[in-house]
């Protein structure tokens, strides 16, 4: 019976703009947070030729409805997924995760094609077959690994490994003279579709490396690889070394520019602070100066007060106007006998004598 479409699967295609960790969305069937517990395995998955199968029991496939309801623990649903798995990445892992979570009780078998088949039907790989086997072995969702997996699945292979369903994305895979190598699997009702992960694939990774070849060549030369190991010519090796030196100089110049900008910025900030402080002090100084020397300053009041005190001290005291005035009779002048000169007088009496002389002159004038 043909399984329902991928809309009923727990796993969904990861989008580039996924909101969850590693681009996961709420439809991936993965809780956003999990309690801290050990879910990983301690050893890699075994190879198929290392696993013993009890062939005494007959091979009877389970239907999709039985698989979805759940099977006994001793009879898990055996799901097969195959691929090249070159440069094993998160897209591969997520596809295997979807295959593992197709049913409540799933035993996932993963087939990895050999170098010979891959080079003939698809192209050259970066990793050799042993490296690809080992990478798949260490994926946590894998229960068993089939080395040298066939390019096209035959009924004999499905019966040998007692496969119930085959998991792969539902995009037609044209290869080996066929429009879709999984067409007969789909017709037999054994196909369980998964979704590809957008934005990540082996071809995309290789494209990045080829696009930035010079960058990675310089990177590996800097890390100690020889030009022979990188298949780099002598001229390109010298060119890469020169570019590396130029980049170092550019980096130093950029660092100096950044440091100088920071220094100038600090100087500007300090100068602004000094100018503000100087303006505040200058305003305070001008205010104090105006308070002291301004038109209504304290100095003017001090001068006025001092001038008033000086005038008060210089001017004579006046008698009250209500008191009666008495004419003072002049005292007769005293002369020494037989002498026309006046006797010497003390400084205290000098003022009195002067007034007496003045009085005598005025008296003679009257006479």
Protein backbone atom coordinates (compact mmCIF):
# COMPACT_ATOMS: atom_id res chain seq x y z
CA UNK A 1 0.00 0.00 0.00
CA UNK A 2 1.37 3.41 -0.94
CA UNK A 3 2.31 5.39 2.19
CA UNK A 4 0.78 8.82 2.58
CA UNK A 5 2.58 11.90 1.42
CA UNK A 6 5.25 13.68 3.38
CA UNK A 7 2.69 16.03 4.91
CA UNK A 8 1.96 13.34 7.51
CA UNK A 9 5.57 12.91 8.50
CA UNK A 10 6.87 14.36 11.70
CA UNK A 11 9.92 15.73 9.97
CA UNK A 12 9.76 18.62 7.61
CA UNK A 13 12.13 20.36 5.26
CA UNK A 14 14.46 22.76 7.01
CA UNK A 15 14.35 26.28 5.71
CA UNK A 16 17.27 28.66 5.47
CA UNK A 17 15.51 31.18 7.61
CA UNK A 18 14.54 28.64 10.31
CA UNK A 19 14.01 30.16 13.70
CA UNK A 20 15.31 27.24 15.74
CA UNK A 21 18.87 26.08 16.35
CA UNK A 22 20.73 25.02 13.20
CA UNK A 23 17.80 26.26 11.12
CA UNK A 24 15.28 23.86 12.69
CA UNK A 25 11.64 24.88 12.61
CA UNK A 26 8.70 23.96 14.78
CA UNK A 27 7.64 21.33 12.24
CA UNK A 28 10.85 19.29 12.48
CA UNK A 29 9.44 17.04 15.18
CA UNK A 30 12.24 18.08 17.56
CA UNK A 31 11.40 19.82 20.83
CA UNK A 32 13.12 23.18 21.14
CA UNK A 33 14.61 22.21 24.50
CA UNK A 34 15.34 18.81 25.97
CA UNK A 35 16.24 17.75 29.47
CA UNK A 36 19.92 17.07 30.03
CA UNK A 37 20.37 13.33 29.64
CA UNK A 38 22.68 11.02 27.76
CA UNK A 39 21.07 10.12 24.43
CA UNK A 40 24.17 9.26 22.45
CA UNK A 41 25.67 5.84 21.83
CA UNK A 42 29.07 4.82 23.07
CA UNK A 43 30.14 2.88 19.98
CA UNK A 44 29.68 3.33 16.20
CA UNK A 45 27.07 1.39 14.28
CA UNK A 46 28.20 -2.07 13.10
CA UNK A 47 28.56 -3.15 9.49
CA UNK A 48 25.97 -5.48 8.04
CA UNK A 49 28.45 -8.32 7.63
CA UNK A 50 29.15 -8.11 11.37
CA UNK A 51 25.47 -8.53 12.34
CA UNK A 52 23.90 -11.96 12.64
CA UNK A 53 20.39 -12.35 11.18
CA UNK A 54 18.10 -15.15 12.21
CA UNK A 55 17.02 -16.56 8.85
CA UNK A 56 14.99 -19.28 10.52
CA UNK A 57 12.12 -16.85 10.92
CA UNK A 58 10.24 -16.07 7.72
CA UNK A 59 10.57 -12.61 6.19
CA UNK A 60 7.16 -10.97 6.23
CA UNK A 61 6.98 -7.25 5.49
CA UNK A 62 4.86 -5.06 7.70
CA UNK A 63 2.34 -2.71 6.16
CA UNK A 64 2.45 1.02 6.56
CA UNK A 65 -0.55 0.98 8.91
CA UNK A 66 1.08 -1.67 11.11
CA UNK A 67 4.32 0.28 11.17
CA UNK A 68 2.54 3.48 12.16
CA UNK A 69 0.62 1.72 14.95
CA UNK A 70 3.86 0.37 16.33
CA UNK A 71 5.48 -3.05 16.20
CA UNK A 72 6.80 -5.25 19.03
CA UNK A 73 10.22 -4.42 20.37
CA UNK A 74 11.70 -7.60 18.93
CA UNK A 75 10.26 -6.76 15.49
CA UNK A 76 11.23 -3.20 14.58
CA UNK A 77 10.40 -1.71 11.21
CA UNK A 78 13.53 -2.10 9.09
CA UNK A 79 14.05 1.08 7.05
CA UNK A 80 16.79 1.35 4.44
CA UNK A 81 18.40 4.61 3.25
CA UNK A 82 21.30 4.76 0.80
CA UNK A 83 23.60 7.43 -0.58
CA UNK A 84 27.15 8.57 -1.29
CA UNK A 85 27.55 10.65 1.90
CA UNK A 86 30.65 12.47 0.62
CA UNK A 87 31.79 15.24 2.96
CA UNK A 88 29.19 14.11 5.49
CA UNK A 89 27.27 17.21 6.61
CA UNK A 90 24.14 18.23 8.48
CA UNK A 91 21.94 17.65 5.44
CA UNK A 92 22.89 13.98 5.47
CA UNK A 93 22.34 13.73 9.21
CA UNK A 94 18.92 15.35 9.02
CA UNK A 95 17.83 12.99 6.24
CA UNK A 96 18.86 10.00 8.36
CA UNK A 97 17.09 11.53 11.35
CA UNK A 98 13.88 11.73 9.36
CA UNK A 99 14.26 8.09 8.27
CA UNK A 100 14.86 7.03 11.86
CA UNK A 101 11.71 8.83 13.04
CA UNK A 102 9.37 7.52 10.34
CA UNK A 103 7.82 5.00 12.71
CA UNK A 104 7.67 4.50 16.48
CA UNK A 105 9.97 1.46 16.36
CA UNK A 106 12.51 1.83 13.56
CA UNK A 107 15.74 -0.01 12.80
CA UNK A 108 17.71 2.13 10.33
CA UNK A 109 20.01 0.48 7.82
CA UNK A 110 22.18 2.81 5.73
CA UNK A 111 23.86 1.72 2.51
CA UNK A 112 27.00 3.52 1.29
CA UNK A 113 28.11 3.07 -2.32
CA UNK A 114 31.70 2.20 -3.13
CA UNK A 115 34.18 4.42 -4.95
CA UNK A 116 33.94 2.36 -8.12
CA UNK A 117 30.17 2.70 -8.43
CA UNK A 118 30.19 6.35 -7.46
CA UNK A 119 32.93 7.32 -9.91
CA UNK A 120 31.16 5.49 -12.72
CA UNK A 121 27.64 6.77 -12.17
CA UNK A 122 28.04 10.11 -10.39
CA UNK A 123 31.58 11.42 -10.36
CA UNK A 124 34.73 11.75 -8.33
CA UNK A 125 34.45 12.05 -4.56
CA UNK A 126 36.51 14.03 -2.08
CA UNK A 127 36.49 11.27 0.56
CA UNK A 128 37.28 7.68 -0.25
CA UNK A 129 34.87 4.87 0.54
CA UNK A 130 36.45 3.94 3.87
CA UNK A 131 36.22 7.52 5.09
CA UNK A 132 32.58 7.69 4.03
CA UNK A 133 31.80 4.38 5.73
CA UNK A 134 33.36 5.63 8.93
CA UNK A 135 31.48 8.96 8.80
CA UNK A 136 28.10 7.22 8.48
CA UNK A 137 29.00 4.75 11.21
CA UNK A 138 29.33 7.58 13.69
CA UNK A 139 25.94 9.12 12.97
CA UNK A 140 23.73 8.64 16.05
CA UNK A 141 20.62 7.69 14.02
CA UNK A 142 22.24 4.77 12.20
CA UNK A 143 21.81 1.19 13.49
CA UNK A 144 23.64 -0.67 10.73
CA UNK A 145 25.86 0.21 7.75
CA UNK A 146 25.97 -1.68 4.44
CA UNK A 147 29.27 -1.32 2.64
CA UNK A 148 29.44 -1.43 -1.16
CA UNK A 149 25.70 -0.84 -1.43
CA UNK A 150 24.12 -1.46 -4.86
CA UNK A 151 23.23 1.48 -7.09
CA UNK A 152 19.83 0.01 -7.90
CA UNK A 153 17.94 -1.98 -5.28
CA UNK A 154 17.03 -5.51 -6.31
CA UNK A 155 14.43 -7.80 -4.73
CA UNK A 156 17.25 -10.11 -3.66
CA UNK A 157 18.99 -7.32 -1.78
CA UNK A 158 15.74 -6.26 -0.09
CA UNK A 159 15.05 -9.83 1.00
CA UNK A 160 18.62 -10.41 2.18
CA UNK A 161 18.49 -7.44 4.54
CA UNK A 162 14.76 -7.92 5.29
CA UNK A 163 13.91 -4.33 4.40
CA UNK A 164 10.37 -3.08 4.98
CA UNK A 165 10.66 0.46 3.60
CA UNK A 166 13.16 2.54 1.65
CA UNK A 167 13.60 6.18 2.71
CA UNK A 168 14.73 8.86 0.28
CA UNK A 169 13.56 12.24 -0.95
CA UNK A 170 10.75 11.94 -3.46
CA UNK A 171 12.52 13.89 -6.22
CA UNK A 172 13.04 11.53 -9.19
CA UNK A 173 16.66 10.34 -9.20
CA UNK A 174 17.70 9.75 -12.78
CA UNK A 175 20.80 7.60 -13.13
CA UNK A 176 22.10 4.38 -14.67
CA UNK A 177 19.84 4.76 -17.71
CA UNK A 178 16.68 5.17 -15.63
CA UNK A 179 14.49 8.20 -15.10
CA UNK A 180 14.06 7.24 -11.46
CA UNK A 181 16.04 4.47 -9.77
CA UNK A 182 13.37 4.28 -7.03
CA UNK A 183 10.44 3.89 -9.41
CA UNK A 184 9.97 0.16 -8.77
CA UNK A 185 10.24 0.77 -5.01
CA UNK A 186 7.47 3.36 -5.20
CA UNK A 187 5.31 1.03 -7.24
CA UNK A 188 5.78 -1.73 -4.65
CA UNK A 189 4.56 0.57 -1.87
CA UNK A 190 7.87 0.42 -0.02
CA UNK A 191 8.91 4.04 -0.52
CA UNK A 192 8.87 6.43 2.47
CA UNK A 193 9.66 9.99 1.36
CA UNK A 194 11.91 12.36 3.29
CA UNK A 195 12.74 15.99 2.68
CA UNK A 196 16.00 17.50 1.50
CA UNK A 197 17.71 20.22 3.50
CA UNK A 198 17.95 23.47 1.60
CA UNK A 199 21.18 25.44 1.57
CA UNK A 200 23.56 22.57 2.28
CA UNK A 201 24.85 19.80 0.04
CA UNK A 202 28.13 18.24 -0.97
CA UNK A 203 28.04 20.09 -4.28
CA UNK A 204 27.51 23.40 -2.49
CA UNK A 205 30.51 22.78 -0.23
CA UNK A 206 32.74 21.90 -3.19
CA UNK A 207 31.49 24.99 -5.03
CA UNK A 208 32.54 27.19 -2.11
CA UNK A 209 36.02 25.66 -2.08
CA UNK A 210 36.47 26.02 -5.84
CA UNK A 211 35.14 29.59 -5.80
CA UNK A 212 37.60 30.62 -3.08
CA UNK A 213 40.42 28.34 -4.19
CA UNK A 214 43.16 30.94 -3.73
CA UNK A 215 42.04 31.68 -0.19
CA UNK A 216 42.13 28.03 0.86
CA UNK A 217 45.41 27.39 -0.96
CA UNK A 218 47.04 30.27 0.90
CA UNK A 219 45.45 29.05 4.13
CA UNK A 220 46.96 25.58 3.79
CA UNK A 221 50.34 26.92 2.71
CA UNK A 222 50.36 29.04 5.82
CA UNK A 223 49.52 25.98 7.92
CA UNK A 224 52.55 24.04 6.70
CA UNK A 225 51.36 22.19 3.61
CA UNK A 226 53.81 22.14 0.72
CA UNK A 227 53.09 23.38 -2.77
CA UNK A 228 53.53 19.83 -4.05
CA UNK A 229 50.86 18.51 -1.69
CA UNK A 230 48.47 21.25 -2.85
CA UNK A 231 49.42 20.79 -6.52
CA UNK A 232 50.42 24.45 -6.70
CA UNK A 233 53.04 25.62 -9.18
CA UNK A 234 56.20 27.45 -8.14
CA UNK A 235 54.95 30.78 -9.51
CA UNK A 236 51.61 30.49 -7.74
CA UNK A 237 53.36 29.54 -4.52
CA UNK A 238 55.44 32.72 -4.63
CA UNK A 239 52.35 34.70 -5.58
CA UNK A 240 50.45 33.34 -2.59
CA UNK A 241 53.34 34.11 -0.23
CA UNK A 242 53.51 37.66 -1.59
CA UNK A 243 49.76 38.08 -1.18
CA UNK A 244 50.06 36.80 2.37
CA UNK A 245 52.71 39.42 3.17
CA UNK A 246 50.66 42.15 1.54
CA UNK A 247 47.63 41.10 3.57
CA UNK A 248 49.68 41.21 6.76
CA UNK A 249 50.85 44.74 5.93
CA UNK A 250 47.27 45.76 5.17
CA UNK A 251 46.14 44.29 8.45
CA UNK A 252 48.83 46.19 10.35
CA UNK A 253 47.90 49.43 8.60
CA UNK A 254 44.27 48.80 9.40
CA UNK A 255 45.10 48.12 13.04
CA UNK A 256 47.13 51.34 13.19
CA UNK A 257 44.26 53.28 11.62
CA UNK A 258 41.80 51.85 14.10
CA UNK A 259 44.11 52.64 17.02
CA UNK A 260 44.72 56.17 15.71
CA UNK A 261 40.97 56.68 15.32
CA UNK A 262 40.46 55.53 18.89
CA UNK A 263 43.24 57.87 20.07
CA UNK A 264 41.80 60.83 18.15
CA UNK A 265 38.38 60.06 19.52
CA UNK A 266 39.72 59.96 23.07
CA UNK A 267 41.59 63.25 22.52
CA UNK A 268 38.45 64.85 21.14
CA UNK A 269 36.45 63.65 24.10
CA UNK A 270 39.06 64.98 26.54
CA UNK A 271 39.33 68.30 24.67
CA UNK A 272 35.57 68.67 24.75
CA UNK A 273 35.62 68.02 28.48
CA UNK A 274 38.42 70.57 28.97
CA UNK A 275 36.58 73.18 26.89
CA UNK A 276 33.40 72.63 28.87
CA UNK A 277 35.29 72.91 32.15
CA UNK A 278 37.10 76.06 30.90
CA UNK A 279 33.78 77.61 29.87
CA UNK A 280 32.31 76.86 33.27
CA UNK A 281 35.35 78.36 35.04
CA UNK A 282 35.37 81.40 32.75
CA UNK A 283 31.71 82.05 33.43
CA UNK A 284 32.36 81.74 37.14
CA UNK A 285 35.37 84.11 36.89
CA UNK A 286 33.42 86.69 34.86
CA UNK A 287 30.56 86.54 37.33
CA UNK A 288 32.90 87.09 40.26
CA UNK A 289 34.63 89.95 38.44
CA UNK A 290 31.33 91.69 37.73
CA UNK A 291 30.23 91.22 41.31
CA UNK A 292 33.41 92.96 42.44
CA UNK A 293 34.08 95.61 39.77
CA UNK A 294 30.75 96.02 38.01
CA UNK A 295 28.51 99.16 38.09
CA UNK A 296 26.77 97.87 41.15
CA UNK A 297 29.69 95.84 42.43
CA UNK A 298 31.03 95.53 45.92
CA UNK A 299 34.02 97.80 45.17
CA UNK A 300 31.79 100.75 44.32
CA UNK A 301 29.85 100.34 47.55
CA UNK A 302 33.14 100.13 49.47
CA UNK A 303 34.40 103.35 47.83
CA UNK A 304 31.17 105.14 48.53
CA UNK A 305 31.23 104.02 52.13
CA UNK A 306 34.88 105.07 52.55
CA UNK A 307 34.27 108.43 50.90
CA UNK A 308 31.35 109.09 53.24
CA UNK A 309 33.46 108.24 56.25
CA UNK A 310 36.27 110.55 55.08
CA UNK A 311 33.88 113.46 54.51
CA UNK A 312 32.34 112.85 57.90
CA UNK A 313 35.74 112.87 59.54
CA UNK A 314 36.93 116.05 57.73
CA UNK A 315 33.81 118.21 58.14
CA UNK A 316 33.55 120.13 61.58
CA UNK A 317 30.81 119.41 63.96
CA UNK A 318 28.01 122.02 63.94
CA UNK A 319 26.31 123.24 67.13
CA UNK A 320 22.62 122.79 67.41
CA UNK A 321 20.64 125.58 65.79
CA UNK A 322 18.29 125.99 68.78
CA UNK A 323 21.04 126.93 71.28
CA UNK A 324 21.55 130.74 71.83
CA UNK A 325 24.70 132.27 70.43
CA UNK A 326 26.86 134.50 72.70
CA UNK A 327 29.34 136.98 71.45
CA UNK A 328 32.74 136.22 72.79
CA UNK A 329 34.62 139.20 74.10
CA UNK A 330 38.14 139.36 72.94
CA UNK A 331 40.75 138.94 75.58
CA UNK A 332 43.40 141.63 75.80
CA UNK A 333 46.71 140.76 74.36
CA UNK A 334 49.60 140.31 76.78
CA UNK A 335 52.98 141.76 76.08
CA UNK A 336 56.29 141.32 77.86
CA UNK A 337 57.56 144.44 79.40
CA UNK A 338 60.39 146.15 77.62
CA UNK A 339 60.08 143.76 74.71
CA UNK A 340 58.25 143.96 71.50
CA UNK A 341 58.53 140.20 70.95
CA UNK A 342 56.18 137.70 72.38
CA UNK A 343 57.60 135.05 74.62
CA UNK A 344 58.13 131.60 73.18
CA UNK A 345 55.17 129.39 73.44
CA UNK A 346 54.66 125.73 73.42
CA UNK A 347 53.17 124.02 70.41
CA UNK A 348 50.00 123.51 72.33
CA UNK A 349 49.57 127.20 72.89
CA UNK A 350 50.80 128.23 69.45
CA UNK A 351 47.39 128.04 67.93
CA UNK A 352 45.99 130.18 70.72
CA UNK A 353 48.66 132.86 70.25
CA UNK A 354 48.02 132.94 66.52
CA UNK A 355 44.36 133.53 67.16
CA UNK A 356 45.25 136.26 69.67
CA UNK A 357 47.55 137.99 67.20
CA UNK A 358 44.89 137.82 64.62
CA UNK A 359 42.51 139.33 67.07
CA UNK A 360 44.94 142.15 67.95
CA UNK A 361 45.35 143.03 64.31
CA UNK A 362 41.67 143.15 63.81
CA UNK A 363 41.32 145.29 66.94
CA UNK A 364 43.95 147.80 65.78
CA UNK A 365 42.21 148.00 62.41
CA UNK A 366 39.02 148.87 64.18
CA UNK A 367 40.85 151.58 66.14
